[in-house]
Amino acid sequence: MADVKSGDIVVPGDQLCVIEELMPSLGTYEKDGIVYAAAPGKVDMNLKERSIRIISPSGGMKLALPVKGDIVLGEATIVFDQRAEIKIVRINDVDYHSGLIGEIHISNVTRRYVKSMQDVLKQNDIVRAAALNTHEIPVQLTLVGPELGVVFAECVKCGNALTLTTHNNMFCLRCENRETREVANDYGVRFGLEARPDLAPRRRSYDRRPYGHDNRRDRGGRRFDGPRGRGGDRRDRRGGSRQRNTRRR
């Protein structure tokens, strides 16, 4: 028999029934033969069609959990070294007010090596991500892709909006703090932030003088006056050899 009855209020992840009793419909999903709620709302059973769905208190249909490939918008609430939790507020440009939580693992942030999630994502960042699983909690998300990533970020020191300078490099116009994020290709566009490539960090200048131009030094920083052997300077030894040869003649 079903674990709930019509009219019961449920939240995402609540067990409703088994697949042999009722078939999942809108606002529900099935996993391992068990039907779960995919959205908060009121249970509505149709015994004639042998189906179960979730509706709003007013009778309207509820959105289901994201499916693989859906684009979600959310806020980073907790950021650890290896993962981050995202509070999802929009799915495929439709507002979602259920408090649904998504999760991003560090391996799904970028294709390059990242030592810590803190290097590319901070708490309160707004991100655009793609779902990796279907009708599951937590929703597994990825930021890999040019259109995915952080779309808005604030300075960790003063809270001012960060300005994008070059790829993933951020600059605070208020306190001049520099940070990094894994950004989307349209970072700040919806928030009226313009990129400032002129504020990008400058590269270090290197000494371009030719090798041996001035006091030559070895790799240890010591001055290099020429090769030496056990008997002193090679030129001295060669000169001594010539003198001995001359005496023999």
C-alpha atoms as a PDB file:
ATOM      1  CA  MET A   1       0.000   0.000   0.000  1.00  0.00           C
ATOM      2  CA  ALA A   2       1.172   3.548  -0.667  1.00  0.00           C
ATOM      3  CA  ASP A   3       3.064   5.301   2.107  1.00  0.00           C
ATOM      4  CA  VAL A   4       0.988   8.479   1.667  1.00  0.00           C
ATOM      5  CA  LYS A   5      -2.566   9.424   0.768  1.00  0.00           C
ATOM      6  CA  SER A   6      -4.125  12.132  -1.361  1.00  0.00           C
ATOM      7  CA  GLY A   7      -3.822  15.552   0.228  1.00  0.00           C
ATOM      8  CA  ASP A   8      -0.622  14.833   2.146  1.00  0.00           C
ATOM      9  CA  ILE A   9       2.061  17.541   1.918  1.00  0.00           C
ATOM     10  CA  VAL A  10       5.477  16.259   0.856  1.00  0.00           C
ATOM     11  CA  VAL A  11       8.908  17.642  -0.005  1.00  0.00           C
ATOM     12  CA  PRO A  12      11.450  16.463  -2.608  1.00  0.00           C
ATOM     13  CA  GLY A  13      12.842  13.057  -1.740  1.00  0.00           C
ATOM     14  CA  ASP A  14       9.847  11.816   0.291  1.00  0.00           C
ATOM     15  CA  GLN A  15       8.904   8.207  -0.482  1.00  0.00           C
ATOM     16  CA  LEU A  16       5.405   7.921  -1.907  1.00  0.00           C
ATOM     17  CA  CYS A  17       4.781   4.325  -2.972  1.00  0.00           C
ATOM     18  CA  VAL A  18       6.225   1.434  -4.954  1.00  0.00           C
ATOM     19  CA  ILE A  19       5.998   1.150  -8.720  1.00  0.00           C
ATOM     20  CA  GLU A  20       3.659  -1.873  -8.517  1.00  0.00           C
ATOM     21  CA  GLU A  21       1.028   0.255  -6.765  1.00  0.00           C
ATOM     22  CA  LEU A  22       1.034   3.558  -8.665  1.00  0.00           C
ATOM     23  CA  MET A  23       2.939   4.878 -11.656  1.00  0.00           C
ATOM     24  CA  PRO A  24       4.947   8.109 -11.299  1.00  0.00           C
ATOM     25  CA  SER A  25       3.514  11.209 -12.957  1.00  0.00           C
ATOM     26  CA  LEU A  26       4.275  14.950 -12.869  1.00  0.00           C
ATOM     27  CA  GLY A  27       6.286  16.037  -9.868  1.00  0.00           C
ATOM     28  CA  THR A  28       7.476  12.518  -9.037  1.00  0.00           C
ATOM     29  CA  TYR A  29      10.204  10.098 -10.103  1.00  0.00           C
ATOM     30  CA  GLU A  30      11.017   6.417  -9.741  1.00  0.00           C
ATOM     31  CA  LYS A  31      14.257   4.859  -8.531  1.00  0.00           C
ATOM     32  CA  ASP A  32      14.864   1.166  -7.812  1.00  0.00           C
ATOM     33  CA  GLY A  33      11.129   0.468  -7.934  1.00  0.00           C
ATOM     34  CA  ILE A  34      10.175   3.203  -5.449  1.00  0.00           C
ATOM     35  CA  VAL A  35       8.321   6.404  -6.363  1.00  0.00           C
ATOM     36  CA  TYR A  36       9.575   9.627  -4.730  1.00  0.00           C
ATOM     37  CA  ALA A  37       8.396  13.232  -4.666  1.00  0.00           C
ATOM     38  CA  ALA A  38      10.392  15.405  -7.044  1.00  0.00           C
ATOM     39  CA  ALA A  39       8.878  18.697  -5.874  1.00  0.00           C
ATOM     40  CA  PRO A  40       7.206  20.057  -2.741  1.00  0.00           C
ATOM     41  CA  GLY A  41       3.421  20.115  -2.737  1.00  0.00           C
ATOM     42  CA  LYS A  42       0.303  18.056  -2.231  1.00  0.00           C
ATOM     43  CA  VAL A  43      -0.105  14.401  -3.166  1.00  0.00           C
ATOM     44  CA  ASP A  44      -2.760  13.660  -5.805  1.00  0.00           C
ATOM     45  CA  MET A  45      -3.583  10.009  -6.537  1.00  0.00           C
ATOM     46  CA  ASN A  46      -5.574   8.849  -9.552  1.00  0.00           C
ATOM     47  CA  LEU A  47      -6.712   5.327  -8.723  1.00  0.00           C
ATOM     48  CA  LYS A  48      -8.505   4.935 -12.066  1.00  0.00           C
ATOM     49  CA  GLU A  49      -5.291   5.574 -13.998  1.00  0.00           C
ATOM     50  CA  ARG A  50      -3.185   4.121 -11.157  1.00  0.00           C
ATOM     51  CA  SER A  51      -0.862   7.147 -11.106  1.00  0.00           C
ATOM     52  CA  ILE A  52       0.432   9.572  -8.503  1.00  0.00           C
ATOM     53  CA  ARG A  53       1.522  13.184  -8.921  1.00  0.00           C
ATOM     54  CA  ILE A  54       2.402  16.300  -6.899  1.00  0.00           C
ATOM     55  CA  ILE A  55       0.383  19.503  -7.243  1.00  0.00           C
ATOM     56  CA  SER A  56       0.461  22.898  -5.553  1.00  0.00           C
ATOM     57  CA  PRO A  57      -2.080  23.684  -2.805  1.00  0.00           C
ATOM     58  CA  SER A  58      -4.068  25.630  -5.385  1.00  0.00           C
ATOM     59  CA  GLY A  59      -4.195  22.632  -7.721  1.00  0.00           C
ATOM     60  CA  GLY A  60      -1.523  23.808 -10.169  1.00  0.00           C
ATOM     61  CA  MET A  61       1.155  21.507 -11.530  1.00  0.00           C
ATOM     62  CA  LYS A  62       4.554  21.403  -9.851  1.00  0.00           C
ATOM     63  CA  LEU A  63       7.943  21.386 -11.539  1.00  0.00           C
ATOM     64  CA  ALA A  64       9.833  18.132 -11.332  1.00  0.00           C
ATOM     65  CA  LEU A  65      13.479  17.688 -10.390  1.00  0.00           C
ATOM     66  CA  PRO A  66      15.986  18.549 -13.111  1.00  0.00           C
ATOM     67  CA  VAL A  67      16.874  15.988 -15.738  1.00  0.00           C
ATOM     68  CA  LYS A  68      20.307  15.509 -17.239  1.00  0.00           C
ATOM     69  CA  GLY A  69      21.255  18.486 -19.404  1.00  0.00           C
ATOM     70  CA  ASP A  70      18.925  21.015 -17.744  1.00  0.00           C
ATOM     71  CA  ILE A  71      20.492  24.428 -17.126  1.00  0.00           C
ATOM     72  CA  VAL A  72      20.118  25.691 -13.572  1.00  0.00           C
ATOM     73  CA  LEU A  73      20.937  28.970 -11.871  1.00  0.00           C
ATOM     74  CA  GLY A  74      21.879  28.992  -8.221  1.00  0.00           C
ATOM     75  CA  GLU A  75      23.865  30.484  -5.359  1.00  0.00           C
ATOM     76  CA  ALA A  76      26.858  28.835  -3.728  1.00  0.00           C
ATOM     77  CA  THR A  77      25.919  28.375  -0.068  1.00  0.00           C
ATOM     78  CA  ILE A  78      28.820  26.212   1.168  1.00  0.00           C
ATOM     79  CA  VAL A  79      32.198  25.762  -0.529  1.00  0.00           C
ATOM     80  CA  PHE A  80      34.580  23.033   0.631  1.00  0.00           C
ATOM     81  CA  ASP A  81      37.965  22.037  -0.811  1.00  0.00           C
ATOM     82  CA  GLN A  82      36.533  19.226  -2.948  1.00  0.00           C
ATOM     83  CA  ARG A  83      32.877  20.160  -3.454  1.00  0.00           C
ATOM     84  CA  ALA A  84      30.337  22.955  -3.193  1.00  0.00           C
ATOM     85  CA  GLU A  85      26.613  23.121  -2.475  1.00  0.00           C
ATOM     86  CA  ILE A  86      24.387  25.236  -4.705  1.00  0.00           C
ATOM     87  CA  LYS A  87      20.905  26.501  -3.814  1.00  0.00           C
ATOM     88  CA  ILE A  88      18.970  26.200  -7.076  1.00  0.00           C
ATOM     89  CA  VAL A  89      16.646  29.124  -7.810  1.00  0.00           C
ATOM     90  CA  ARG A  90      15.950  28.642 -11.518  1.00  0.00           C
ATOM     91  CA  ILE A  91      15.689  25.684 -13.907  1.00  0.00           C
ATOM     92  CA  ASN A  92      15.700  26.337 -17.658  1.00  0.00           C
ATOM     93  CA  ASP A  93      14.873  30.041 -17.065  1.00  0.00           C
ATOM     94  CA  VAL A  94      11.856  29.149 -14.867  1.00  0.00           C
ATOM     95  CA  ASP A  95      11.939  30.241 -11.214  1.00  0.00           C
ATOM     96  CA  TYR A  96      12.136  27.375  -8.713  1.00  0.00           C
ATOM     97  CA  HIS A  97      11.282  28.226  -5.095  1.00  0.00           C
ATOM     98  CA  SER A  98      11.611  24.854  -3.379  1.00  0.00           C
ATOM     99  CA  GLY A  99      15.038  25.221  -1.792  1.00  0.00           C
ATOM    100  CA  LEU A 100      16.442  22.454  -3.981  1.00  0.00           C
ATOM    101  CA  ILE A 101      20.152  21.794  -3.388  1.00  0.00           C
ATOM    102  CA  GLY A 102      22.679  20.894  -6.066  1.00  0.00           C
ATOM    103  CA  GLU A 103      26.240  19.710  -5.627  1.00  0.00           C
ATOM    104  CA  ILE A 104      29.385  20.383  -7.664  1.00  0.00           C
ATOM    105  CA  HIS A 105      32.424  18.151  -7.296  1.00  0.00           C
ATOM    106  CA  ILE A 106      35.840  19.648  -7.974  1.00  0.00           C
ATOM    107  CA  SER A 107      36.279  17.290 -10.957  1.00  0.00           C
ATOM    108  CA  ASN A 108      33.238  18.916 -12.618  1.00  0.00           C
ATOM    109  CA  VAL A 109      34.429  22.527 -12.387  1.00  0.00           C
ATOM    110  CA  THR A 110      36.947  22.685 -15.239  1.00  0.00           C
ATOM    111  CA  ARG A 111      39.021  20.435 -17.482  1.00  0.00           C
ATOM    112  CA  ARG A 112      42.261  21.822 -16.082  1.00  0.00           C
ATOM    113  CA  TYR A 113      43.741  20.778 -12.742  1.00  0.00           C
ATOM    114  CA  VAL A 114      42.367  22.605  -9.712  1.00  0.00           C
ATOM    115  CA  LYS A 115      43.896  22.060  -6.276  1.00  0.00           C
ATOM    116  CA  SER A 116      40.954  23.408  -4.259  1.00  0.00           C
ATOM    117  CA  MET A 117      37.384  24.441  -4.999  1.00  0.00           C
ATOM    118  CA  GLN A 118      38.156  27.643  -3.088  1.00  0.00           C
ATOM    119  CA  ASP A 119      40.422  28.714  -5.964  1.00  0.00           C
ATOM    120  CA  VAL A 120      37.577  28.874  -8.500  1.00  0.00           C
ATOM    121  CA  LEU A 121      34.367  29.325  -6.476  1.00  0.00           C
ATOM    122  CA  LYS A 122      33.413  31.266  -3.343  1.00  0.00           C
ATOM    123  CA  GLN A 123      30.398  31.414  -1.067  1.00  0.00           C
ATOM    124  CA  ASN A 124      27.542  33.631  -2.380  1.00  0.00           C
ATOM    125  CA  ASP A 125      28.730  33.344  -6.007  1.00  0.00           C
ATOM    126  CA  ILE A 126      25.922  33.059  -8.561  1.00  0.00           C
ATOM    127  CA  VAL A 127      26.573  30.214 -10.982  1.00  0.00           C
ATOM    128  CA  ARG A 128      25.034  28.759 -14.104  1.00  0.00           C
ATOM    129  CA  ALA A 129      25.441  24.990 -14.232  1.00  0.00           C
ATOM    130  CA  ALA A 130      24.157  21.903 -16.045  1.00  0.00           C
ATOM    131  CA  ALA A 131      22.547  18.888 -14.372  1.00  0.00           C
ATOM    132  CA  LEU A 132      24.403  15.578 -14.629  1.00  0.00           C
ATOM    133  CA  ASN A 133      21.693  13.260 -13.263  1.00  0.00           C
ATOM    134  CA  THR A 134      17.945  12.846 -13.620  1.00  0.00           C
ATOM    135  CA  HIS A 135      15.358  13.158 -10.829  1.00  0.00           C
ATOM    136  CA  GLU A 136      17.868  12.621  -8.034  1.00  0.00           C
ATOM    137  CA  ILE A 137      18.748  14.461  -4.851  1.00  0.00           C
ATOM    138  CA  PRO A 138      21.207  16.077  -4.526  1.00  0.00           C
ATOM    139  CA  VAL A 139      21.320  17.270  -8.110  1.00  0.00           C
ATOM    140  CA  GLN A 140      24.832  16.687  -9.474  1.00  0.00           C
ATOM    141  CA  LEU A 141      26.022  19.741 -11.407  1.00  0.00           C
ATOM    142  CA  THR A 142      28.882  20.682 -13.720  1.00  0.00           C
ATOM    143  CA  LEU A 143      30.464  24.009 -14.668  1.00  0.00           C
ATOM    144  CA  VAL A 144      32.412  22.614 -17.626  1.00  0.00           C
ATOM    145  CA  GLY A 145      31.452  24.556 -20.740  1.00  0.00           C
ATOM    146  CA  PRO A 146      31.924  28.105 -22.073  1.00  0.00           C
ATOM    147  CA  GLU A 147      28.400  29.194 -21.138  1.00  0.00           C
ATOM    148  CA  LEU A 148      28.639  27.648 -17.650  1.00  0.00           C
ATOM    149  CA  GLY A 149      30.378  28.989 -14.564  1.00  0.00           C
ATOM    150  CA  VAL A 150      30.207  31.981 -12.246  1.00  0.00           C
ATOM    151  CA  VAL A 151      28.009  34.791 -13.621  1.00  0.00           C
ATOM    152  CA  PHE A 152      28.306  37.122 -10.624  1.00  0.00           C
ATOM    153  CA  ALA A 153      30.761  37.323  -7.708  1.00  0.00           C
ATOM    154  CA  GLU A 154      31.536  39.644  -4.830  1.00  0.00           C
ATOM    155  CA  CYS A 155      34.865  40.604  -3.292  1.00  0.00           C
ATOM    156  CA  VAL A 156      35.628  38.514  -0.204  1.00  0.00           C
ATOM    157  CA  LYS A 157      37.203  41.553   1.487  1.00  0.00           C
ATOM    158  CA  CYS A 158      34.706  44.367   0.982  1.00  0.00           C
ATOM    159  CA  GLY A 159      31.656  42.774  -0.691  1.00  0.00           C
ATOM    160  CA  ASN A 160      31.814  44.921  -3.818  1.00  0.00           C
ATOM    161  CA  ALA A 161      30.959  43.338  -7.167  1.00  0.00           C
ATOM    162  CA  LEU A 162      34.038  41.899  -8.860  1.00  0.00           C
ATOM    163  CA  THR A 163      35.010  43.060 -12.341  1.00  0.00           C
ATOM    164  CA  LEU A 164      36.371  40.615 -14.910  1.00  0.00           C
ATOM    165  CA  THR A 165      39.750  41.614 -16.346  1.00  0.00           C
ATOM    166  CA  THR A 166      40.923  38.603 -18.347  1.00  0.00           C
ATOM    167  CA  HIS A 167      39.885  34.957 -18.373  1.00  0.00           C
ATOM    168  CA  ASN A 168      39.035  33.955 -14.751  1.00  0.00           C
ATOM    169  CA  ASN A 169      40.910  36.955 -13.294  1.00  0.00           C
ATOM    170  CA  MET A 170      38.805  39.282 -11.150  1.00  0.00           C
ATOM    171  CA  PHE A 171      39.460  42.767  -9.756  1.00  0.00           C
ATOM    172  CA  CYS A 172      37.662  44.800  -7.102  1.00  0.00           C
ATOM    173  CA  LEU A 173      37.334  48.458  -8.101  1.00  0.00           C
ATOM    174  CA  ARG A 174      36.809  49.475  -4.477  1.00  0.00           C
ATOM    175  CA  CYS A 175      39.656  47.850  -2.547  1.00  0.00           C
ATOM    176  CA  GLU A 176      41.803  46.695  -5.527  1.00  0.00           C
ATOM    177  CA  ASN A 177      41.705  43.081  -4.339  1.00  0.00           C
ATOM    178  CA  ARG A 178      42.434  40.417  -6.958  1.00  0.00           C
ATOM    179  CA  GLU A 179      40.705  37.024  -7.039  1.00  0.00           C
ATOM    180  CA  THR A 180      40.057  34.162  -9.442  1.00  0.00           C
ATOM    181  CA  ARG A 181      36.837  32.408 -10.457  1.00  0.00           C
ATOM    182  CA  GLU A 182      35.758  29.859 -13.056  1.00  0.00           C
ATOM    183  CA  VAL A 183      33.537  32.266 -14.984  1.00  0.00           C
ATOM    184  CA  ALA A 184      30.951  31.881 -17.735  1.00  0.00           C
ATOM    185  CA  ASN A 185      31.608  33.618 -21.053  1.00  0.00           C
ATOM    186  CA  ASP A 186      28.926  36.214 -20.232  1.00  0.00           C
ATOM    187  CA  TYR A 187      30.055  37.017 -16.698  1.00  0.00           C
ATOM    188  CA  GLY A 188      28.374  40.143 -15.328  1.00  0.00           C
ATOM    189  CA  VAL A 189      26.303  40.879 -18.437  1.00  0.00           C
ATOM    190  CA  ARG A 190      22.952  40.495 -16.667  1.00  0.00           C
ATOM    191  CA  PHE A 191      24.211  42.607 -13.764  1.00  0.00           C
ATOM    192  CA  GLY A 192      25.554  45.514 -15.808  1.00  0.00           C
ATOM    193  CA  LEU A 193      29.229  44.680 -15.229  1.00  0.00           C
ATOM    194  CA  GLU A 194      31.655  45.422 -18.043  1.00  0.00           C
ATOM    195  CA  ALA A 195      34.962  43.630 -18.475  1.00  0.00           C
ATOM    196  CA  ARG A 196      38.116  45.691 -17.850  1.00  0.00           C
ATOM    197  CA  PRO A 197      41.037  44.011 -19.639  1.00  0.00           C
ATOM    198  CA  ASP A 198      43.128  47.130 -18.976  1.00  0.00           C
ATOM    199  CA  LEU A 199      43.187  46.151 -15.284  1.00  0.00           C
ATOM    200  CA  ALA A 200      44.641  42.701 -15.936  1.00  0.00           C
ATOM    201  CA  PRO A 201      47.703  41.788 -13.858  1.00  0.00           C
ATOM    202  CA  ARG A 202      50.946  42.605 -15.653  1.00  0.00           C
ATOM    203  CA  ARG A 203      53.367  39.879 -16.517  1.00  0.00           C
ATOM    204  CA  ARG A 204      56.851  39.898 -15.068  1.00  0.00           C
ATOM    205  CA  SER A 205      59.556  41.297 -17.306  1.00  0.00           C
ATOM    206  CA  TYR A 206      62.618  39.136 -17.822  1.00  0.00           C
ATOM    207  CA  ASP A 207      66.236  40.146 -18.523  1.00  0.00           C
ATOM    208  CA  ARG A 208      66.697  39.767 -22.268  1.00  0.00           C
ATOM    209  CA  ARG A 209      70.472  40.416 -22.323  1.00  0.00           C
ATOM    210  CA  PRO A 210      72.368  37.776 -24.325  1.00  0.00           C
ATOM    211  CA  TYR A 211      74.056  34.986 -22.454  1.00  0.00           C
ATOM    212  CA  GLY A 212      77.605  35.884 -21.433  1.00  0.00           C
ATOM    213  CA  HIS A 213      77.042  39.610 -21.870  1.00  0.00           C
ATOM    214  CA  ASP A 214      78.328  40.390 -18.399  1.00  0.00           C
ATOM    215  CA  ASN A 215      79.877  38.431 -15.519  1.00  0.00           C
ATOM    216  CA  ARG A 216      78.943  34.887 -16.422  1.00  0.00           C
ATOM    217  CA  ARG A 217      77.616  32.849 -13.559  1.00  0.00           C
ATOM    218  CA  ASP A 218      76.729  29.186 -13.156  1.00  0.00           C
ATOM    219  CA  ARG A 219      73.317  27.859 -12.089  1.00  0.00           C
ATOM    220  CA  GLY A 220      74.181  28.298  -8.439  1.00  0.00           C
ATOM    221  CA  GLY A 221      74.765  32.028  -8.895  1.00  0.00           C
ATOM    222  CA  ARG A 222      78.567  31.778  -8.632  1.00  0.00           C
ATOM    223  CA  ARG A 223      80.805  33.590 -11.019  1.00  0.00           C
ATOM    224  CA  PHE A 224      82.020  31.396 -13.839  1.00  0.00           C
ATOM    225  CA  ASP A 225      85.576  32.173 -14.990  1.00  0.00           C
ATOM    226  CA  GLY A 226      86.115  29.079 -17.077  1.00  0.00           C
ATOM    227  CA  PRO A 227      86.577  25.361 -16.618  1.00  0.00           C
ATOM    228  CA  ARG A 228      88.893  24.176 -13.901  1.00  0.00           C
ATOM    229  CA  GLY A 229      90.393  20.821 -13.175  1.00  0.00           C
ATOM    230  CA  ARG A 230      92.221  19.252 -10.301  1.00  0.00           C
ATOM    231  CA  GLY A 231      95.511  20.839 -11.283  1.00  0.00           C
ATOM    232  CA  GLY A 232      94.147  24.376 -11.564  1.00  0.00           C
ATOM    233  CA  ASP A 233      93.432  26.287 -14.720  1.00  0.00           C
ATOM    234  CA  ARG A 234      93.513  24.189 -17.887  1.00  0.00           C
ATOM    235  CA  ARG A 235      95.262  26.913 -19.796  1.00  0.00           C
ATOM    236  CA  ASP A 236      98.104  26.843 -17.225  1.00  0.00           C
ATOM    237  CA  ARG A 237      98.434  23.108 -17.612  1.00  0.00           C
ATOM    238  CA  ARG A 238      98.461  23.332 -21.373  1.00  0.00           C
ATOM    239  CA  GLY A 239     101.098  26.080 -21.194  1.00  0.00           C
ATOM    240  CA  GLY A 240     103.212  23.968 -18.847  1.00  0.00           C
ATOM    241  CA  SER A 241     103.036  21.062 -21.248  1.00  0.00           C
ATOM    242  CA  ARG A 242     104.278  23.230 -24.087  1.00  0.00           C
ATOM    243  CA  GLN A 243     107.203  24.406 -21.990  1.00  0.00           C
ATOM    244  CA  ARG A 244     108.197  20.868 -21.119  1.00  0.00           C
ATOM    245  CA  ASN A 245     108.006  19.895 -24.764  1.00  0.00           C
ATOM    246  CA  THR A 246     110.229  22.838 -25.672  1.00  0.00           C
ATOM    247  CA  ARG A 247     112.855  21.804 -23.135  1.00  0.00           C
ATOM    248  CA  ARG A 248     112.958  18.292 -24.555  1.00  0.00           C
ATOM    249  CA  ARG A 249     113.644  19.643 -27.960  1.00  0.00           C
END
